């Protein structure tokens, strides 16, 4: 029984890893077509960076607001991670926001 459970858990982990790889490919195609971030993607990512409070602290005196802020930030970090942007590219979005 233990071996069967171990096999099932290993299979589930493998499926989750494959799903993450495929999902990452979809995000990269959406946000970085032709191996580069296009202008529309830059604008959307700059907006998300600001809305998700990427460059600001999540903390406020209200714990519910802190949790909401951290949830927003987590979404942006997930997108950045899936499309494999480096910190320098994220900083470019900070500069882009000033131009909008």
Protein backbone atom coordinates (compact mmCIF):
# COMPACT_ATOMS: atom_id res chain seq x y z
CA UNK A 1 0.00 0.00 0.00
CA UNK A 2 2.84 2.42 0.85
CA UNK A 3 4.61 1.81 -2.46
CA UNK A 4 1.42 2.45 -4.40
CA UNK A 5 0.87 5.72 -2.54
CA UNK A 6 4.47 6.76 -3.22
CA UNK A 7 3.99 6.04 -6.94
CA UNK A 8 0.77 8.05 -7.02
CA UNK A 9 2.43 10.99 -5.28
CA UNK A 10 5.41 10.87 -7.66
CA UNK A 11 3.05 10.81 -10.64
CA UNK A 12 1.12 13.79 -9.26
CA UNK A 13 4.35 15.76 -8.73
CA UNK A 14 5.47 14.94 -12.26
CA UNK A 15 2.16 16.12 -13.71
CA UNK A 16 2.34 19.36 -11.73
CA UNK A 17 5.88 20.01 -12.98
CA UNK A 18 4.81 19.41 -16.60
CA UNK A 19 1.80 21.68 -16.15
CA UNK A 20 4.05 24.44 -14.74
CA UNK A 21 6.40 24.16 -17.73
CA UNK A 22 3.54 24.36 -20.24
CA UNK A 23 1.89 27.22 -18.36
CA UNK A 24 5.20 29.11 -18.34
CA UNK A 25 5.42 28.69 -22.12
CA UNK A 26 1.95 30.19 -22.53
CA UNK A 27 2.84 33.19 -20.34
CA UNK A 28 6.10 33.75 -22.23
CA UNK A 29 4.32 33.62 -25.60
CA UNK A 30 1.77 36.14 -24.36
CA UNK A 31 4.16 38.60 -22.73
CA UNK A 32 7.39 38.03 -24.69
CA UNK A 33 6.51 37.25 -28.31
CA UNK A 34 9.50 36.80 -30.61
CA UNK A 35 11.86 36.51 -27.63
CA UNK A 36 11.29 40.10 -26.51
CA UNK A 37 8.75 42.11 -24.58
CA UNK A 38 6.63 44.12 -27.02
CA UNK A 39 5.20 47.58 -26.29
CA UNK A 40 1.73 46.31 -25.32
CA UNK A 41 3.23 43.80 -22.91
CA UNK A 42 5.48 46.51 -21.46
CA UNK A 43 2.50 48.76 -20.78
CA UNK A 44 0.45 45.95 -19.21
CA UNK A 45 3.36 44.77 -17.06
CA UNK A 46 4.12 48.34 -15.96
CA UNK A 47 0.48 48.77 -14.93
CA UNK A 48 0.45 45.45 -13.09
CA UNK A 49 3.72 46.30 -11.38
CA UNK A 50 2.16 49.48 -9.99
CA UNK A 51 -1.24 47.95 -9.14
CA UNK A 52 0.37 44.93 -7.47
CA UNK A 53 2.63 47.16 -5.36
CA UNK A 54 5.78 45.42 -6.53
CA UNK A 55 8.13 48.18 -5.44
CA UNK A 56 6.29 49.10 -2.23
CA UNK A 57 5.83 47.38 1.07
CA UNK A 58 2.68 45.31 1.54
CA UNK A 59 2.41 46.29 5.19
CA UNK A 60 -0.30 48.59 6.52
CA UNK A 61 -1.71 48.85 10.05
CA UNK A 62 -4.79 46.96 8.81
CA UNK A 63 -3.93 43.23 8.61
CA UNK A 64 -6.63 42.57 6.01
CA UNK A 65 -5.27 45.30 3.76
CA UNK A 66 -1.76 43.94 4.26
CA UNK A 67 -2.97 40.49 3.18
CA UNK A 68 -4.68 41.96 0.11
CA UNK A 69 -1.57 43.92 -0.81
CA UNK A 70 0.63 40.85 -0.43
CA UNK A 71 -1.77 38.84 -2.58
CA UNK A 72 -1.53 41.43 -5.34
CA UNK A 73 2.26 41.46 -5.10
CA UNK A 74 2.33 37.67 -5.27
CA UNK A 75 0.41 37.75 -8.56
CA UNK A 76 2.98 40.06 -10.15
CA UNK A 77 5.86 37.95 -8.84
CA UNK A 78 4.21 34.85 -10.33
CA UNK A 79 3.89 36.47 -13.75
CA UNK A 80 7.47 37.76 -13.67
CA UNK A 81 8.67 34.31 -12.63
CA UNK A 82 6.71 32.50 -15.32
CA UNK A 83 7.93 34.74 -18.12
CA UNK A 84 11.45 34.64 -16.68
CA UNK A 85 12.13 38.36 -16.49
CA UNK A 86 15.28 39.41 -14.72
CA UNK A 87 15.34 42.27 -12.17
CA UNK A 88 16.82 44.69 -14.73
CA UNK A 89 13.83 44.17 -17.03
CA UNK A 90 11.42 44.74 -14.14
CA UNK A 91 13.24 48.02 -13.35
CA UNK A 92 12.63 49.08 -16.96
CA UNK A 93 8.90 48.84 -16.27
CA UNK A 94 9.38 51.21 -13.34
CA UNK A 95 10.86 53.76 -15.73
CA UNK A 96 8.16 53.08 -18.33
CA UNK A 97 5.44 53.92 -15.79
CA UNK A 98 6.78 57.47 -15.63
CA UNK A 99 6.29 57.82 -19.39
CA UNK A 100 2.64 56.71 -19.41
